[in-house]
Protein backbone atom coordinates (compact mmCIF):
# COMPACT_ATOMS: atom_id res chain seq x y z
CA UNK A 1 0.00 0.00 0.00
CA UNK A 2 1.40 3.36 -1.07
CA UNK A 3 1.23 6.26 1.36
CA UNK A 4 1.41 9.88 0.26
CA UNK A 5 3.49 12.10 2.49
CA UNK A 6 2.79 15.79 2.46
CA UNK A 7 5.83 18.03 2.17
CA UNK A 8 5.86 21.18 4.24
CA UNK A 9 7.46 24.29 2.84
CA UNK A 10 8.83 26.97 5.12
CA UNK A 11 7.92 30.37 3.75
CA UNK A 12 9.89 33.42 4.80
CA UNK A 13 8.95 37.04 4.28
CA UNK A 14 11.35 39.96 4.67
CA UNK A 15 10.32 43.02 6.71
CA UNK A 16 9.62 45.25 3.70
CA UNK A 17 7.40 42.67 1.98
CA UNK A 18 5.63 41.90 5.27
CA UNK A 19 4.44 45.52 5.42
CA UNK A 20 2.42 44.97 2.24
CA UNK A 21 1.10 47.62 -0.12
CA UNK A 22 -2.40 49.07 -0.41
CA UNK A 23 -4.22 48.71 -3.71
CA UNK A 24 -7.65 49.91 -4.79
CA UNK A 25 -7.37 48.85 -8.45
CA UNK A 26 -6.24 45.62 -10.08
CA UNK A 27 -5.52 45.36 -13.78
CA UNK A 28 -5.58 41.83 -15.15
CA UNK A 29 -4.20 40.68 -18.49
CA UNK A 30 -3.20 37.30 -19.85
CA UNK A 31 -1.56 35.34 -22.60
CA UNK A 32 -1.94 31.65 -23.33
CA UNK A 33 0.74 30.77 -20.77
CA UNK A 34 0.48 33.40 -18.03
CA UNK A 35 -1.80 35.74 -16.12
CA UNK A 36 -0.50 39.16 -15.06
CA UNK A 37 -2.13 41.03 -12.17
CA UNK A 38 -1.04 44.63 -11.58
CA UNK A 39 -2.02 46.11 -8.21
CA UNK A 40 -2.42 49.89 -8.36
CA UNK A 41 -3.24 52.64 -5.86
CA UNK A 42 -5.26 55.46 -7.38
CA UNK A 43 -5.42 58.59 -5.24
CA UNK A 44 -8.57 60.71 -5.46
CA UNK A 45 -8.21 63.57 -7.95
CA UNK A 46 -4.75 62.39 -9.04
CA UNK A 47 -4.17 62.34 -12.82
CA UNK A 48 -1.73 59.40 -12.65
CA UNK A 49 -1.32 56.19 -10.70
CA UNK A 50 1.58 53.78 -10.32
CA UNK A 51 1.66 50.00 -10.22
CA UNK A 52 2.59 49.03 -6.66
CA UNK A 53 3.03 45.31 -7.31
CA UNK A 54 2.87 42.92 -10.26
CA UNK A 55 2.14 39.22 -9.91
CA UNK A 56 2.78 36.94 -12.88
CA UNK A 57 1.44 33.41 -12.60
CA UNK A 58 0.16 30.48 -14.63
CA UNK A 59 -3.49 30.21 -15.67
CA UNK A 60 -3.96 27.12 -13.48
CA UNK A 61 -2.52 28.88 -10.45
CA UNK A 62 -4.72 31.93 -11.16
CA UNK A 63 -7.75 29.63 -11.11
CA UNK A 64 -6.63 28.13 -7.77
CA UNK A 65 -6.19 31.69 -6.47
CA UNK A 66 -9.74 32.53 -7.61
CA UNK A 67 -11.13 29.51 -5.75
CA UNK A 68 -9.13 30.39 -2.61
CA UNK A 69 -10.40 33.99 -2.74
CA UNK A 70 -14.00 32.79 -3.17
CA UNK A 71 -13.65 30.49 -0.16
CA UNK A 72 -12.06 33.20 1.97
CA UNK A 73 -14.73 35.77 1.04
CA UNK A 74 -17.41 33.20 1.94
CA UNK A 75 -15.72 32.60 5.32
CA UNK A 76 -15.32 36.35 5.90
CA UNK A 77 -18.99 37.04 5.15
CA UNK A 78 -20.19 34.21 7.38
CA UNK A 79 -18.21 35.74 10.23
CA UNK A 80 -18.63 39.50 9.62
CA UNK A 81 -21.66 39.82 7.32
CA UNK A 82 -22.09 40.45 3.62
CA UNK A 83 -19.58 42.76 1.97
CA UNK A 84 -21.50 45.65 0.44
CA UNK A 85 -20.43 46.69 -3.03
CA UNK A 86 -20.57 50.46 -3.61
CA UNK A 87 -22.64 51.78 -6.51
CA UNK A 88 -20.32 52.67 -9.37
CA UNK A 89 -20.79 55.30 -12.02
CA UNK A 90 -21.01 53.37 -15.30
CA UNK A 91 -18.76 55.99 -16.94
CA UNK A 92 -15.94 55.42 -14.43
CA UNK A 93 -13.82 52.32 -14.66
CA UNK A 94 -12.09 52.20 -11.31
CA UNK A 95 -11.68 48.92 -9.48
CA UNK A 96 -10.85 45.57 -10.95
CA UNK A 97 -10.37 45.74 -14.69
CA UNK A 98 -9.49 43.10 -17.22
PDB file of N, CA and C in Angstrom:
ATOM      1  N   UNK A   1       0.842  -1.184   0.000  1.00  0.00           N
ATOM      2  CA  UNK A   1       0.000   0.000   0.000  1.00  0.00           C
ATOM      3  C   UNK A   1       0.886   1.246   0.000  1.00  0.00           C
ATOM      4  N   UNK A   2       0.599   2.150  -0.915  1.00  0.00           N
ATOM      5  CA  UNK A   2       1.400   3.359  -1.065  1.00  0.00           C
ATOM      6  C   UNK A   2       0.809   4.475  -0.206  1.00  0.00           C
ATOM      7  N   UNK A   3       1.676   5.160   0.514  1.00  0.00           N
ATOM      8  CA  UNK A   3       1.235   6.262   1.363  1.00  0.00           C
ATOM      9  C   UNK A   3       1.811   7.558   0.832  1.00  0.00           C
ATOM     10  N   UNK A   4       0.944   8.561   0.680  1.00  0.00           N
ATOM     11  CA  UNK A   4       1.410   9.877   0.258  1.00  0.00           C
ATOM     12  C   UNK A   4       1.850  10.652   1.482  1.00  0.00           C
ATOM     13  N   UNK A   5       3.028  11.239   1.410  1.00  0.00           N
ATOM     14  CA  UNK A   5       3.487  12.101   2.494  1.00  0.00           C
ATOM     15  C   UNK A   5       3.441  13.531   2.000  1.00  0.00           C
ATOM     16  N   UNK A   6       2.918  14.391   2.832  1.00  0.00           N
ATOM     17  CA  UNK A   6       2.786  15.792   2.464  1.00  0.00           C
ATOM     18  C   UNK A   6       4.049  16.538   2.859  1.00  0.00           C
ATOM     19  N   UNK A   7       4.645  17.237   1.898  1.00  0.00           N
ATOM     20  CA  UNK A   7       5.833  18.028   2.173  1.00  0.00           C
ATOM     21  C   UNK A   7       5.412  19.380   2.711  1.00  0.00           C
ATOM     22  N   UNK A   8       6.122  19.851   3.710  1.00  0.00           N
ATOM     23  CA  UNK A   8       5.859  21.180   4.236  1.00  0.00           C
ATOM     24  C   UNK A   8       6.948  22.118   3.751  1.00  0.00           C
ATOM     25  N   UNK A   9       6.530  23.286   3.332  1.00  0.00           N
ATOM     26  CA  UNK A   9       7.462  24.289   2.839  1.00  0.00           C
ATOM     27  C   UNK A   9       7.500  25.425   3.841  1.00  0.00           C
ATOM     28  N   UNK A  10       8.690  25.796   4.242  1.00  0.00           N
ATOM     29  CA  UNK A  10       8.833  26.965   5.116  1.00  0.00           C
ATOM     30  C   UNK A  10       8.874  28.200   4.236  1.00  0.00           C
ATOM     31  N   UNK A  11       7.998  29.141   4.531  1.00  0.00           N
ATOM     32  CA  UNK A  11       7.920  30.367   3.753  1.00  0.00           C
ATOM     33  C   UNK A  11       8.404  31.516   4.624  1.00  0.00           C
ATOM     34  N   UNK A  12       9.358  32.257   4.101  1.00  0.00           N
ATOM     35  CA  UNK A  12       9.895  33.416   4.805  1.00  0.00           C
ATOM     36  C   UNK A  12       9.462  34.684   4.095  1.00  0.00           C
ATOM     37  N   UNK A  13       9.299  35.751   4.858  1.00  0.00           N
ATOM     38  CA  UNK A  13       8.955  37.041   4.278  1.00  0.00           C
ATOM     39  C   UNK A  13       9.837  38.094   4.941  1.00  0.00           C
ATOM     40  N   UNK A  14      10.495  38.915   4.110  1.00  0.00           N
ATOM     41  CA  UNK A  14      11.350  39.962   4.669  1.00  0.00           C
ATOM     42  C   UNK A  14      10.474  41.090   5.225  1.00  0.00           C
ATOM     43  N   UNK A  15      11.067  41.963   6.029  1.00  0.00           N
ATOM     44  CA  UNK A  15      10.315  43.021   6.711  1.00  0.00           C
ATOM     45  C   UNK A  15       9.596  43.959   5.747  1.00  0.00           C
ATOM     46  N   UNK A  16      10.234  44.329   4.655  1.00  0.00           N
ATOM     47  CA  UNK A  16       9.616  45.245   3.698  1.00  0.00           C
ATOM     48  C   UNK A  16       8.389  44.611   3.046  1.00  0.00           C
ATOM     49  N   UNK A  17       8.518  43.368   2.604  1.00  0.00           N
ATOM     50  CA  UNK A  17       7.401  42.666   1.983  1.00  0.00           C
ATOM     51  C   UNK A  17       6.278  42.429   2.990  1.00  0.00           C
ATOM     52  N   UNK A  18       6.634  42.154   4.227  1.00  0.00           N
ATOM     53  CA  UNK A  18       5.634  41.902   5.269  1.00  0.00           C
ATOM     54  C   UNK A  18       4.749  43.113   5.525  1.00  0.00           C
ATOM     55  N   UNK A  19       5.240  44.309   5.232  1.00  0.00           N
ATOM     56  CA  UNK A  19       4.445  45.521   5.421  1.00  0.00           C
ATOM     57  C   UNK A  19       3.296  45.590   4.416  1.00  0.00           C
ATOM     58  N   UNK A  20       3.462  44.975   3.257  1.00  0.00           N
ATOM     59  CA  UNK A  20       2.423  44.974   2.240  1.00  0.00           C
ATOM     60  C   UNK A  20       2.282  46.327   1.570  1.00  0.00           C
ATOM     61  N   UNK A  21       1.417  46.378   0.572  1.00  0.00           N
ATOM     62  CA  UNK A  21       1.097  47.624  -0.123  1.00  0.00           C
ATOM     63  C   UNK A  21      -0.419  47.679  -0.275  1.00  0.00           C
ATOM     64  N   UNK A  22      -0.963  48.880  -0.242  1.00  0.00           N
ATOM     65  CA  UNK A  22      -2.396  49.067  -0.413  1.00  0.00           C
ATOM     66  C   UNK A  22      -2.702  49.233  -1.891  1.00  0.00           C
ATOM     67  N   UNK A  23      -3.778  48.606  -2.327  1.00  0.00           N
ATOM     68  CA  UNK A  23      -4.216  48.707  -3.715  1.00  0.00           C
ATOM     69  C   UNK A  23      -5.723  48.875  -3.748  1.00  0.00           C
ATOM     70  N   UNK A  24      -6.206  49.782  -4.603  1.00  0.00           N
ATOM     71  CA  UNK A  24      -7.647  49.908  -4.789  1.00  0.00           C
ATOM     72  C   UNK A  24      -8.060  49.661  -6.241  1.00  0.00           C
ATOM     73  N   UNK A  25      -7.105  49.217  -7.055  1.00  0.00           N
ATOM     74  CA  UNK A  25      -7.368  48.850  -8.448  1.00  0.00           C
ATOM     75  C   UNK A  25      -6.485  47.664  -8.803  1.00  0.00           C
ATOM     76  N   UNK A  26      -7.040  46.722  -9.540  1.00  0.00           N
ATOM     77  CA  UNK A  26      -6.242  45.621 -10.075  1.00  0.00           C
ATOM     78  C   UNK A  26      -6.497  45.548 -11.571  1.00  0.00           C
ATOM     79  N   UNK A  27      -5.439  45.504 -12.335  1.00  0.00           N
ATOM     80  CA  UNK A  27      -5.520  45.359 -13.781  1.00  0.00           C
ATOM     81  C   UNK A  27      -5.068  43.945 -14.124  1.00  0.00           C
ATOM     82  N   UNK A  28      -5.878  43.227 -14.860  1.00  0.00           N
ATOM     83  CA  UNK A  28      -5.576  41.827 -15.150  1.00  0.00           C
ATOM     84  C   UNK A  28      -5.469  41.634 -16.660  1.00  0.00           C
ATOM     85  N   UNK A  29      -4.370  41.018 -17.086  1.00  0.00           N
ATOM     86  CA  UNK A  29      -4.195  40.675 -18.493  1.00  0.00           C
ATOM     87  C   UNK A  29      -3.644  39.258 -18.561  1.00  0.00           C
ATOM     88  N   UNK A  30      -3.683  38.679 -19.738  1.00  0.00           N
ATOM     89  CA  UNK A  30      -3.205  37.304 -19.854  1.00  0.00           C
ATOM     90  C   UNK A  30      -2.747  36.989 -21.273  1.00  0.00           C
ATOM     91  N   UNK A  31      -1.926  35.964 -21.339  1.00  0.00           N
ATOM     92  CA  UNK A  31      -1.563  35.336 -22.600  1.00  0.00           C
ATOM     93  C   UNK A  31      -1.960  33.868 -22.460  1.00  0.00           C
ATOM     94  N   UNK A  32      -1.610  33.070 -23.415  1.00  0.00           N
ATOM     95  CA  UNK A  32      -1.937  31.645 -23.330  1.00  0.00           C
ATOM     96  C   UNK A  32      -1.245  30.975 -22.150  1.00  0.00           C
ATOM     97  N   UNK A  33      -0.059  31.467 -21.783  1.00  0.00           N
ATOM     98  CA  UNK A  33       0.739  30.770 -20.773  1.00  0.00           C
ATOM     99  C   UNK A  33       0.867  31.484 -19.433  1.00  0.00           C
ATOM    100  N   UNK A  34       0.352  32.722 -19.316  1.00  0.00           N
ATOM    101  CA  UNK A  34       0.482  33.404 -18.027  1.00  0.00           C
ATOM    102  C   UNK A  34      -0.624  34.425 -17.814  1.00  0.00           C
ATOM    103  N   UNK A  35      -0.859  34.714 -16.547  1.00  0.00           N
ATOM    104  CA  UNK A  35      -1.804  35.738 -16.122  1.00  0.00           C
ATOM    105  C   UNK A  35      -0.998  36.787 -15.362  1.00  0.00           C
ATOM    106  N   UNK A  36      -1.214  38.060 -15.694  1.00  0.00           N
ATOM    107  CA  UNK A  36      -0.495  39.158 -15.058  1.00  0.00           C
ATOM    108  C   UNK A  36      -1.519  40.000 -14.298  1.00  0.00           C
ATOM    109  N   UNK A  37      -1.261  40.200 -13.006  1.00  0.00           N
ATOM    110  CA  UNK A  37      -2.132  41.030 -12.173  1.00  0.00           C
ATOM    111  C   UNK A  37      -1.299  42.194 -11.657  1.00  0.00           C
ATOM    112  N   UNK A  38      -1.684  43.413 -12.058  1.00  0.00           N
ATOM    113  CA  UNK A  38      -1.035  44.633 -11.577  1.00  0.00           C
ATOM    114  C   UNK A  38      -1.912  45.245 -10.494  1.00  0.00           C
ATOM    115  N   UNK A  39      -1.321  45.481  -9.323  1.00  0.00           N
ATOM    116  CA  UNK A  39      -2.024  46.111  -8.215  1.00  0.00           C
ATOM    117  C   UNK A  39      -1.617  47.581  -8.178  1.00  0.00           C
ATOM    118  N   UNK A  40      -2.626  48.452  -8.209  1.00  0.00           N
ATOM    119  CA  UNK A  40      -2.420  49.890  -8.357  1.00  0.00           C
ATOM    120  C   UNK A  40      -3.122  50.619  -7.221  1.00  0.00           C
ATOM    121  N   UNK A  41      -2.557  51.743  -6.784  1.00  0.00           N
ATOM    122  CA  UNK A  41      -3.241  52.636  -5.856  1.00  0.00           C
ATOM    123  C   UNK A  41      -3.538  53.928  -6.581  1.00  0.00           C
ATOM    124  N   UNK A  42      -4.829  54.229  -6.736  1.00  0.00           N
ATOM    125  CA  UNK A  42      -5.264  55.460  -7.383  1.00  0.00           C
ATOM    126  C   UNK A  42      -5.708  56.421  -6.292  1.00  0.00           C
ATOM    127  N   UNK A  43      -5.041  57.570  -6.217  1.00  0.00           N
ATOM    128  CA  UNK A  43      -5.424  58.591  -5.240  1.00  0.00           C
ATOM    129  C   UNK A  43      -6.543  59.444  -5.821  1.00  0.00           C
ATOM    130  N   UNK A  44      -7.487  59.852  -4.963  1.00  0.00           N
ATOM    131  CA  UNK A  44      -8.570  60.713  -5.459  1.00  0.00           C
ATOM    132  C   UNK A  44      -8.005  61.987  -6.093  1.00  0.00           C
ATOM    133  N   UNK A  45      -8.570  62.357  -7.205  1.00  0.00           N
ATOM    134  CA  UNK A  45      -8.215  63.574  -7.946  1.00  0.00           C
ATOM    135  C   UNK A  45      -6.807  63.557  -8.555  1.00  0.00           C
ATOM    136  N   UNK A  46      -6.100  62.458  -8.467  1.00  0.00           N
ATOM    137  CA  UNK A  46      -4.750  62.390  -9.039  1.00  0.00           C
ATOM    138  C   UNK A  46      -4.853  61.998 -10.517  1.00  0.00           C
ATOM    139  N   UNK A  47      -4.090  62.653 -11.386  1.00  0.00           N
ATOM    140  CA  UNK A  47      -4.169  62.339 -12.815  1.00  0.00           C
ATOM    141  C   UNK A  47      -3.420  61.065 -13.207  1.00  0.00           C
ATOM    142  N   UNK A  48      -2.530  60.590 -12.338  1.00  0.00           N
ATOM    143  CA  UNK A  48      -1.732  59.400 -12.648  1.00  0.00           C
ATOM    144  C   UNK A  48      -1.737  58.456 -11.459  1.00  0.00           C
ATOM    145  N   UNK A  49      -1.469  57.200 -11.745  1.00  0.00           N
ATOM    146  CA  UNK A  49      -1.319  56.191 -10.696  1.00  0.00           C
ATOM    147  C   UNK A  49      -0.149  55.298 -11.076  1.00  0.00           C
ATOM    148  N   UNK A  50       0.414  54.638 -10.088  1.00  0.00           N
ATOM    149  CA  UNK A  50       1.578  53.782 -10.322  1.00  0.00           C
ATOM    150  C   UNK A  50       1.285  52.363  -9.860  1.00  0.00           C
ATOM    151  N   UNK A  51       1.769  51.398 -10.631  1.00  0.00           N
ATOM    152  CA  UNK A  51       1.655  50.003 -10.220  1.00  0.00           C
ATOM    153  C   UNK A  51       2.497  49.810  -8.972  1.00  0.00           C
ATOM    154  N   UNK A  52       1.880  49.281  -7.917  1.00  0.00           N
ATOM    155  CA  UNK A  52       2.590  49.030  -6.659  1.00  0.00           C
ATOM    156  C   UNK A  52       3.189  47.637  -6.605  1.00  0.00           C
ATOM    157  N   UNK A  53       2.531  46.689  -7.284  1.00  0.00           N
ATOM    158  CA  UNK A  53       3.034  45.311  -7.310  1.00  0.00           C
ATOM    159  C   UNK A  53       2.502  44.622  -8.554  1.00  0.00           C
ATOM    160  N   UNK A  54       3.285  43.720  -9.105  1.00  0.00           N
ATOM    161  CA  UNK A  54       2.866  42.919 -10.259  1.00  0.00           C
ATOM    162  C   UNK A  54       3.085  41.458  -9.919  1.00  0.00           C
ATOM    163  N   UNK A  55       2.048  40.657 -10.124  1.00  0.00           N
ATOM    164  CA  UNK A  55       2.139  39.215  -9.910  1.00  0.00           C
ATOM    165  C   UNK A  55       1.924  38.540 -11.256  1.00  0.00           C
ATOM    166  N   UNK A  56       2.867  37.700 -11.640  1.00  0.00           N
ATOM    167  CA  UNK A  56       2.784  36.941 -12.881  1.00  0.00           C
ATOM    168  C   UNK A  56       2.676  35.477 -12.491  1.00  0.00           C
ATOM    169  N   UNK A  57       1.652  34.799 -12.991  1.00  0.00           N
ATOM    170  CA  UNK A  57       1.435  33.415 -12.603  1.00  0.00           C
ATOM    171  C   UNK A  57       0.857  32.617 -13.767  1.00  0.00           C
ATOM    172  N   UNK A  58       0.728  31.332 -13.587  1.00  0.00           N
ATOM    173  CA  UNK A  58       0.159  30.477 -14.630  1.00  0.00           C
ATOM    174  C   UNK A  58      -1.368  30.536 -14.576  1.00  0.00           C
ATOM    175  N   UNK A  59      -2.028  30.233 -15.680  1.00  0.00           N
ATOM    176  CA  UNK A  59      -3.491  30.208 -15.665  1.00  0.00           C
ATOM    177  C   UNK A  59      -4.054  29.235 -14.624  1.00  0.00           C
ATOM    178  N   UNK A  60      -3.441  28.076 -14.464  1.00  0.00           N
ATOM    179  CA  UNK A  60      -3.957  27.117 -13.483  1.00  0.00           C
ATOM    180  C   UNK A  60      -3.793  27.638 -12.058  1.00  0.00           C
ATOM    181  N   UNK A  61      -2.684  28.313 -11.788  1.00  0.00           N
ATOM    182  CA  UNK A  61      -2.516  28.883 -10.451  1.00  0.00           C
ATOM    183  C   UNK A  61      -3.492  30.045 -10.234  1.00  0.00           C
ATOM    184  N   UNK A  62      -3.754  30.839 -11.275  1.00  0.00           N
ATOM    185  CA  UNK A  62      -4.723  31.931 -11.163  1.00  0.00           C
ATOM    186  C   UNK A  62      -6.107  31.370 -10.830  1.00  0.00           C
ATOM    187  N   UNK A  63      -6.455  30.246 -11.408  1.00  0.00           N
ATOM    188  CA  UNK A  63      -7.750  29.628 -11.109  1.00  0.00           C
ATOM    189  C   UNK A  63      -7.788  29.130  -9.667  1.00  0.00           C
ATOM    190  N   UNK A  64      -6.690  28.555  -9.183  1.00  0.00           N
ATOM    191  CA  UNK A  64      -6.631  28.132  -7.772  1.00  0.00           C
ATOM    192  C   UNK A  64      -6.727  29.340  -6.843  1.00  0.00           C
ATOM    193  N   UNK A  65      -6.104  30.456  -7.247  1.00  0.00           N
ATOM    194  CA  UNK A  65      -6.194  31.693  -6.468  1.00  0.00           C
ATOM    195  C   UNK A  65      -7.640  32.178  -6.418  1.00  0.00           C
ATOM    196  N   UNK A  66      -8.334  32.144  -7.556  1.00  0.00           N
ATOM    197  CA  UNK A  66      -9.741  32.534  -7.609  1.00  0.00           C
ATOM    198  C   UNK A  66     -10.567  31.696  -6.634  1.00  0.00           C
ATOM    199  N   UNK A  67     -10.379  30.392  -6.648  1.00  0.00           N
ATOM    200  CA  UNK A  67     -11.128  29.513  -5.748  1.00  0.00           C
ATOM    201  C   UNK A  67     -10.792  29.804  -4.286  1.00  0.00           C
ATOM    202  N   UNK A  68      -9.528  30.066  -3.984  1.00  0.00           N
ATOM    203  CA  UNK A  68      -9.129  30.385  -2.611  1.00  0.00           C
ATOM    204  C   UNK A  68      -9.739  31.709  -2.166  1.00  0.00           C
ATOM    205  N   UNK A  69      -9.768  32.707  -3.064  1.00  0.00           N
ATOM    206  CA  UNK A  69     -10.397  33.991  -2.737  1.00  0.00           C
ATOM    207  C   UNK A  69     -11.894  33.822  -2.494  1.00  0.00           C
ATOM    208  N   UNK A  70     -12.563  33.041  -3.352  1.00  0.00           N
ATOM    209  CA  UNK A  70     -13.995  32.794  -3.167  1.00  0.00           C
ATOM    210  C   UNK A  70     -14.273  32.152  -1.810  1.00  0.00           C
ATOM    211  N   UNK A  71     -13.469  31.163  -1.440  1.00  0.00           N
ATOM    212  CA  UNK A  71     -13.647  30.487  -0.157  1.00  0.00           C
ATOM    213  C   UNK A  71     -13.393  31.438   1.012  1.00  0.00           C
ATOM    214  N   UNK A  72     -12.363  32.266   0.897  1.00  0.00           N
ATOM    215  CA  UNK A  72     -12.057  33.204   1.969  1.00  0.00           C
ATOM    216  C   UNK A  72     -13.113  34.293   2.098  1.00  0.00           C
ATOM    217  N   UNK A  73     -13.651  34.780   0.984  1.00  0.00           N
ATOM    218  CA  UNK A  73     -14.734  35.766   1.037  1.00  0.00           C
ATOM    219  C   UNK A  73     -15.968  35.144   1.692  1.00  0.00           C
ATOM    220  N   UNK A  74     -16.276  33.911   1.337  1.00  0.00           N
ATOM    221  CA  UNK A  74     -17.413  33.204   1.942  1.00  0.00           C
ATOM    222  C   UNK A  74     -17.221  33.093   3.457  1.00  0.00           C
ATOM    223  N   UNK A  75     -16.017  32.704   3.888  1.00  0.00           N
ATOM    224  CA  UNK A  75     -15.723  32.596   5.322  1.00  0.00           C
ATOM    225  C   UNK A  75     -15.798  33.960   6.009  1.00  0.00           C
ATOM    226  N   UNK A  76     -15.280  34.991   5.356  1.00  0.00           N
ATOM    227  CA  UNK A  76     -15.319  36.345   5.899  1.00  0.00           C
ATOM    228  C   UNK A  76     -16.765  36.783   6.110  1.00  0.00           C
ATOM    229  N   UNK A  77     -17.596  36.590   5.068  1.00  0.00           N
ATOM    230  CA  UNK A  77     -18.988  37.038   5.149  1.00  0.00           C
ATOM    231  C   UNK A  77     -19.796  36.239   6.170  1.00  0.00           C
ATOM    232  N   UNK A  78     -19.479  34.985   6.356  1.00  0.00           N
ATOM    233  CA  UNK A  78     -20.193  34.208   7.377  1.00  0.00           C
ATOM    234  C   UNK A  78     -19.825  34.686   8.779  1.00  0.00           C
ATOM    235  N   UNK A  79     -18.650  35.239   8.913  1.00  0.00           N
ATOM    236  CA  UNK A  79     -18.208  35.741  10.229  1.00  0.00           C
ATOM    237  C   UNK A  79     -18.594  37.200  10.466  1.00  0.00           C
ATOM    238  N   UNK A  80     -18.459  38.049   9.435  1.00  0.00           N
ATOM    239  CA  UNK A  80     -18.634  39.497   9.617  1.00  0.00           C
ATOM    240  C   UNK A  80     -19.842  40.081   8.881  1.00  0.00           C
ATOM    241  N   UNK A  81     -20.522  39.309   8.075  1.00  0.00           N
ATOM    242  CA  UNK A  81     -21.659  39.819   7.317  1.00  0.00           C
ATOM    243  C   UNK A  81     -21.271  40.085   5.872  1.00  0.00           C
ATOM    244  N   UNK A  82     -22.307  40.269   5.057  1.00  0.00           N
ATOM    245  CA  UNK A  82     -22.094  40.448   3.618  1.00  0.00           C
ATOM    246  C   UNK A  82     -21.304  41.719   3.322  1.00  0.00           C
ATOM    247  N   UNK A  83     -20.371  41.604   2.420  1.00  0.00           N
ATOM    248  CA  UNK A  83     -19.584  42.757   1.966  1.00  0.00           C
ATOM    249  C   UNK A  83     -20.457  43.541   0.993  1.00  0.00           C
ATOM    250  N   UNK A  84     -20.666  44.798   1.296  1.00  0.00           N
ATOM    251  CA  UNK A  84     -21.496  45.649   0.440  1.00  0.00           C
ATOM    252  C   UNK A  84     -20.644  46.241  -0.673  1.00  0.00           C
ATOM    253  N   UNK A  85     -21.125  46.122  -1.880  1.00  0.00           N
ATOM    254  CA  UNK A  85     -20.426  46.685  -3.033  1.00  0.00           C
ATOM    255  C   UNK A  85     -20.967  48.092  -3.275  1.00  0.00           C
ATOM    256  N   UNK A  86     -20.089  49.100  -3.370  1.00  0.00           N
ATOM    257  CA  UNK A  86     -20.565  50.458  -3.613  1.00  0.00           C
ATOM    258  C   UNK A  86     -21.135  50.591  -5.025  1.00  0.00           C
ATOM    259  N   UNK A  87     -22.099  51.482  -5.177  1.00  0.00           N
ATOM    260  CA  UNK A  87     -22.642  51.781  -6.506  1.00  0.00           C
ATOM    261  C   UNK A  87     -21.548  52.469  -7.303  1.00  0.00           C
ATOM    262  N   UNK A  88     -21.343  52.045  -8.539  1.00  0.00           N
ATOM    263  CA  UNK A  88     -20.320  52.667  -9.373  1.00  0.00           C
ATOM    264  C   UNK A  88     -20.963  53.399 -10.535  1.00  0.00           C
ATOM    265  N   UNK A  89     -20.396  54.543 -10.835  1.00  0.00           N
ATOM    266  CA  UNK A  89     -20.794  55.302 -12.015  1.00  0.00           C
ATOM    267  C   UNK A  89     -20.381  54.486 -13.233  1.00  0.00           C
ATOM    268  N   UNK A  90     -21.306  54.209 -14.138  1.00  0.00           N
ATOM    269  CA  UNK A  90     -21.011  53.374 -15.300  1.00  0.00           C
ATOM    270  C   UNK A  90     -19.978  53.999 -16.221  1.00  0.00           C
ATOM    271  N   UNK A  91     -19.762  55.325 -16.104  1.00  0.00           N
ATOM    272  CA  UNK A  91     -18.759  55.992 -16.943  1.00  0.00           C
ATOM    273  C   UNK A  91     -17.361  55.894 -16.363  1.00  0.00           C
ATOM    274  N   UNK A  92     -17.249  55.558 -15.080  1.00  0.00           N
ATOM    275  CA  UNK A  92     -15.935  55.421 -14.433  1.00  0.00           C
ATOM    276  C   UNK A  92     -15.557  53.971 -14.388  1.00  0.00           C
ATOM    277  N   UNK A  93     -14.312  53.694 -14.714  1.00  0.00           N
ATOM    278  CA  UNK A  93     -13.817  52.323 -14.662  1.00  0.00           C
ATOM    279  C   UNK A  93     -12.693  52.253 -13.639  1.00  0.00           C
ATOM    280  N   UNK A  94     -13.069  52.307 -12.384  1.00  0.00           N
ATOM    281  CA  UNK A  94     -12.091  52.200 -11.312  1.00  0.00           C
ATOM    282  C   UNK A  94     -12.440  50.950 -10.523  1.00  0.00           C
ATOM    283  N   UNK A  95     -11.462  50.161 -10.220  1.00  0.00           N
ATOM    284  CA  UNK A  95     -11.682  48.918  -9.483  1.00  0.00           C
ATOM    285  C   UNK A  95     -10.888  47.814 -10.118  1.00  0.00           C
ATOM    286  N   UNK A  96     -11.534  46.707 -10.356  1.00  0.00           N
ATOM    287  CA  UNK A  96     -10.848  45.572 -10.952  1.00  0.00           C
ATOM    288  C   UNK A  96     -11.192  45.536 -12.424  1.00  0.00           C
ATOM    289  N   UNK A  97     -10.185  45.673 -13.246  1.00  0.00           N
ATOM    290  CA  UNK A  97     -10.370  45.744 -14.691  1.00  0.00           C
ATOM    291  C   UNK A  97      -9.671  44.565 -15.350  1.00  0.00           C
ATOM    292  N   UNK A  98     -10.203  44.124 -16.457  1.00  0.00           N
ATOM    293  CA  UNK A  98      -9.494  43.096 -17.223  1.00  0.00           C
ATOM    294  C   UNK A  98      -9.554  43.424 -18.687  1.00  0.00           C
TER     295      UNK A  98
END
